[in-house]
Protein backbone atom coordinates (compact mmCIF):
# COMPACT_ATOMS: atom_id res chain seq x y z
CA UNK A 1 111.10 80.55 93.45
CA UNK A 2 111.07 77.51 95.66
CA UNK A 3 108.22 77.11 98.14
CA UNK A 4 110.71 77.58 100.99
CA UNK A 5 111.96 80.89 99.63
CA UNK A 6 108.40 82.04 98.92
CA UNK A 7 107.38 81.29 102.51
CA UNK A 8 110.44 83.10 103.82
CA UNK A 9 109.71 86.08 101.57
CA UNK A 10 106.12 86.10 102.85
CA UNK A 11 107.30 86.31 106.43
CA UNK A 12 109.74 89.08 105.51
CA UNK A 13 107.01 91.04 103.75
CA UNK A 14 104.85 90.80 106.87
CA UNK A 15 107.64 92.52 108.82
CA UNK A 16 107.64 95.59 106.55
CA UNK A 17 104.60 97.18 108.29
CA UNK A 18 106.35 96.56 111.62
CA UNK A 19 109.38 98.50 110.39
CA UNK A 20 107.07 101.29 109.21
CA UNK A 21 105.34 101.32 112.61
CA UNK A 22 108.78 101.66 114.22
CA UNK A 23 109.46 104.68 112.04
CA UNK A 24 106.18 106.28 113.06
CA UNK A 25 107.04 105.62 116.70
CA UNK A 26 110.41 107.33 116.34
CA UNK A 27 108.72 110.24 114.59
CA UNK A 28 106.27 110.57 117.52
CA UNK A 29 109.20 110.58 119.94
CA UNK A 30 110.71 113.46 117.99
CA UNK A 31 107.51 115.45 117.58
CA UNK A 32 106.34 115.04 121.18
CA UNK A 33 109.77 115.48 122.75
CA UNK A 34 109.41 112.23 124.69
CA UNK A 35 111.76 112.13 127.71
CA UNK A 36 114.54 109.62 127.35
CA UNK A 37 114.75 109.92 123.58
CA UNK A 38 115.85 113.37 122.45
CA UNK A 39 117.72 114.02 125.69
CA UNK A 40 119.54 110.66 125.54
CA UNK A 41 121.96 110.63 122.58
CA UNK A 42 123.02 107.00 123.16
CA UNK A 43 119.46 105.72 123.16
CA UNK A 44 118.49 107.94 120.23
CA UNK A 45 121.44 106.78 118.17
CA UNK A 46 120.95 103.09 118.88
CA UNK A 47 117.21 103.23 118.19
CA UNK A 48 117.81 105.04 114.90
CA UNK A 49 120.43 102.44 114.01
CA UNK A 50 118.02 99.65 114.90
CA UNK A 51 115.28 101.07 112.73
CA UNK A 52 117.61 101.72 109.80
CA UNK A 53 119.16 98.26 109.97
CA UNK A 54 115.74 96.62 110.16
CA UNK A 55 114.54 98.33 106.98
CA UNK A 56 117.67 97.77 104.94
CA UNK A 57 118.21 94.19 106.05
CA UNK A 58 114.60 93.16 105.39
CA UNK A 59 114.91 94.44 101.82
CA UNK A 60 118.29 92.77 101.43
CA UNK A 61 116.89 89.48 102.72
CA UNK A 62 114.01 89.63 100.26
CA UNK A 63 116.40 90.02 97.35
CA UNK A 64 118.70 87.30 98.68
CA UNK A 65 115.85 84.76 98.64
CA UNK A 66 115.84 84.88 94.84
CA UNK A 67 119.55 84.08 94.77
CA UNK A 68 119.38 81.26 97.32
CA UNK A 69 117.33 79.22 94.86
CA UNK A 70 119.92 79.80 92.14
CA UNK A 71 122.91 78.78 94.25
CA UNK A 72 124.70 75.47 93.72
CA UNK A 73 124.29 74.37 97.31
CA UNK A 74 122.79 71.25 98.87
CA UNK A 75 119.20 71.76 100.08
CA UNK A 76 120.25 71.65 103.73
CA UNK A 77 122.81 74.40 103.17
CA UNK A 78 120.24 76.46 101.26
CA UNK A 79 117.89 76.17 104.24
CA UNK A 80 120.67 77.22 106.63
CA UNK A 81 121.56 80.15 104.36
CA UNK A 82 117.92 81.32 104.40
CA UNK A 83 117.81 81.15 108.18
CA UNK A 84 121.12 82.98 108.61
CA UNK A 85 120.19 85.78 106.21
CA UNK A 86 116.75 86.23 107.78
CA UNK A 87 118.19 86.17 111.30
CA UNK A 88 120.11 89.40 110.66
CA UNK A 89 117.11 91.77 110.32
CA UNK A 90 115.72 90.25 113.51
CA UNK A 91 118.77 90.04 115.75
CA UNK A 92 120.54 93.26 114.84
CA UNK A 93 117.63 95.66 115.46
CA UNK A 94 116.67 93.74 118.62
CA UNK A 95 120.17 94.27 119.93
CA UNK A 96 120.04 98.00 119.21
CA UNK A 97 116.59 98.45 120.77
CA UNK A 98 116.84 96.16 123.77
CA UNK A 99 120.32 97.30 124.78
CA UNK A 100 118.90 100.68 125.82
CA UNK A 101 115.26 99.88 126.51
CA UNK A 102 114.94 102.09 129.62
CA UNK A 103 114.79 105.86 128.97
CA UNK A 104 117.61 106.48 131.43
CA UNK A 105 120.06 103.98 129.91
CA UNK A 106 123.21 105.83 128.88
CA UNK A 107 125.23 102.73 128.06
CA UNK A 108 124.14 99.63 126.14
CA UNK A 109 123.58 96.52 128.23
CA UNK A 110 124.68 93.00 127.29
CA UNK A 111 121.89 92.62 124.75
CA UNK A 112 123.98 94.76 122.38
CA UNK A 113 125.68 91.42 121.60
CA UNK A 114 122.57 90.51 119.60
CA UNK A 115 123.87 92.95 116.99
CA UNK A 116 127.11 91.00 116.79
CA UNK A 117 125.15 87.75 116.48
CA UNK A 118 123.01 89.27 113.72
CA UNK A 119 126.07 90.58 111.90
CA UNK A 120 127.73 87.19 112.17
CA UNK A 121 124.64 85.49 110.75
CA UNK A 122 124.58 87.99 107.90
CA UNK A 123 128.28 87.50 107.17
CA UNK A 124 128.14 83.69 107.20
CA UNK A 125 124.86 83.58 105.26
CA UNK A 126 125.97 85.96 102.53
CA UNK A 127 129.42 84.34 102.28
CA UNK A 128 127.80 80.92 101.87
CA UNK A 129 125.38 82.30 99.30
CA UNK A 130 128.15 84.04 97.40
CA UNK A 131 130.28 80.90 97.24
CA UNK A 132 127.23 78.92 96.13
CA UNK A 133 126.66 81.34 93.27
CA UNK A 134 130.22 81.11 91.90
């Protein structure tokens, strides 16, 4: 792997304990019947989605780093592809969590658009990577 992909993978691996901590936090909310979580289906659903997307997208990003180095892309485009793919597991969960940060929030606020930004980064990054691998 290139040094750039190794560094990116290192950062991604550091986020894995954070995702695990998020899972423990959600488990505590369930076990302790924390107000604003179990009684708020919108918040509960978005926080579960945020946690699930974080875990899956971090793993996906780790695997993608191996392929970025194999792609027939200019170095600048490889760097952009890395950034776009790594932005998804950051932006999407942030959008899910921050859009209903207050226990009484029953509708997502404007920060839900971070999920769209993360999804767009993921789509452009993976499309670029896929084309570079053909």
